[in-house]
Amino acid sequence: MNDKQMEIGEETRKSLALLSKEEKETFFRD
C-alpha cells in the first residue's frame, strides 16, 4: 500500500465514522 492509498484510506475511515451502521454494511457489501 502506497502513501496515496493510505491517504485515501484515512479519508474513507473519517467518512465511515459519520455513517450509521446500516450505511457501513451497505458500503462494504459491494
C-alpha atoms as a PDB file:
ATOM      1  CA  MET A   1       0.000   0.000   0.000  1.00  0.00           C
ATOM      2  CA  ASN A   2       1.484   3.324  -1.033  1.00  0.00           C
ATOM      3  CA  ASP A   3       1.139   6.752   0.582  1.00  0.00           C
ATOM      4  CA  LYS A   4      -1.698   7.816  -1.710  1.00  0.00           C
ATOM      5  CA  GLN A   5      -3.701   4.700  -0.887  1.00  0.00           C
ATOM      6  CA  MET A   6      -3.093   5.263   2.830  1.00  0.00           C
ATOM      7  CA  GLU A   7      -4.249   8.877   2.486  1.00  0.00           C
ATOM      8  CA  ILE A   8      -7.433   7.774   0.734  1.00  0.00           C
ATOM      9  CA  GLY A   9      -7.947   5.087   3.372  1.00  0.00           C
ATOM     10  CA  GLU A  10      -7.708   7.677   6.143  1.00  0.00           C
ATOM     11  CA  GLU A  11     -10.318   9.859   4.435  1.00  0.00           C
ATOM     12  CA  THR A  12     -12.527   6.799   3.988  1.00  0.00           C
ATOM     13  CA  ARG A  13     -12.311   5.951   7.696  1.00  0.00           C
ATOM     14  CA  LYS A  14     -13.211   9.533   8.600  1.00  0.00           C
ATOM     15  CA  SER A  15     -16.207   9.370   6.264  1.00  0.00           C
ATOM     16  CA  LEU A  16     -17.335   5.974   7.549  1.00  0.00           C
ATOM     17  CA  ALA A  17     -17.172   7.259  11.121  1.00  0.00           C
ATOM     18  CA  LEU A  18     -20.008   9.611  10.159  1.00  0.00           C
ATOM     19  CA  LEU A  19     -22.158   6.860   8.684  1.00  0.00           C
ATOM     20  CA  SER A  20     -24.656   4.737  10.520  1.00  0.00           C
ATOM     21  CA  LYS A  21     -24.087   1.009  10.994  1.00  0.00           C
ATOM     22  CA  GLU A  22     -26.598   0.234   8.251  1.00  0.00           C
ATOM     23  CA  GLU A  23     -24.826   2.518   5.794  1.00  0.00           C
ATOM     24  CA  LYS A  24     -21.489   0.861   6.603  1.00  0.00           C
ATOM     25  CA  GLU A  25     -22.951  -2.595   5.964  1.00  0.00           C
ATOM     26  CA  THR A  26     -24.311  -1.415   2.623  1.00  0.00           C
ATOM     27  CA  PHE A  27     -20.961   0.134   1.699  1.00  0.00           C
ATOM     28  CA  PHE A  28     -18.938  -2.988   2.475  1.00  0.00           C
ATOM     29  CA  ARG A  29     -21.410  -5.350   0.793  1.00  0.00           C
ATOM     30  CA  ASP A  30     -20.171  -4.382  -2.699  1.00  0.00           C
END
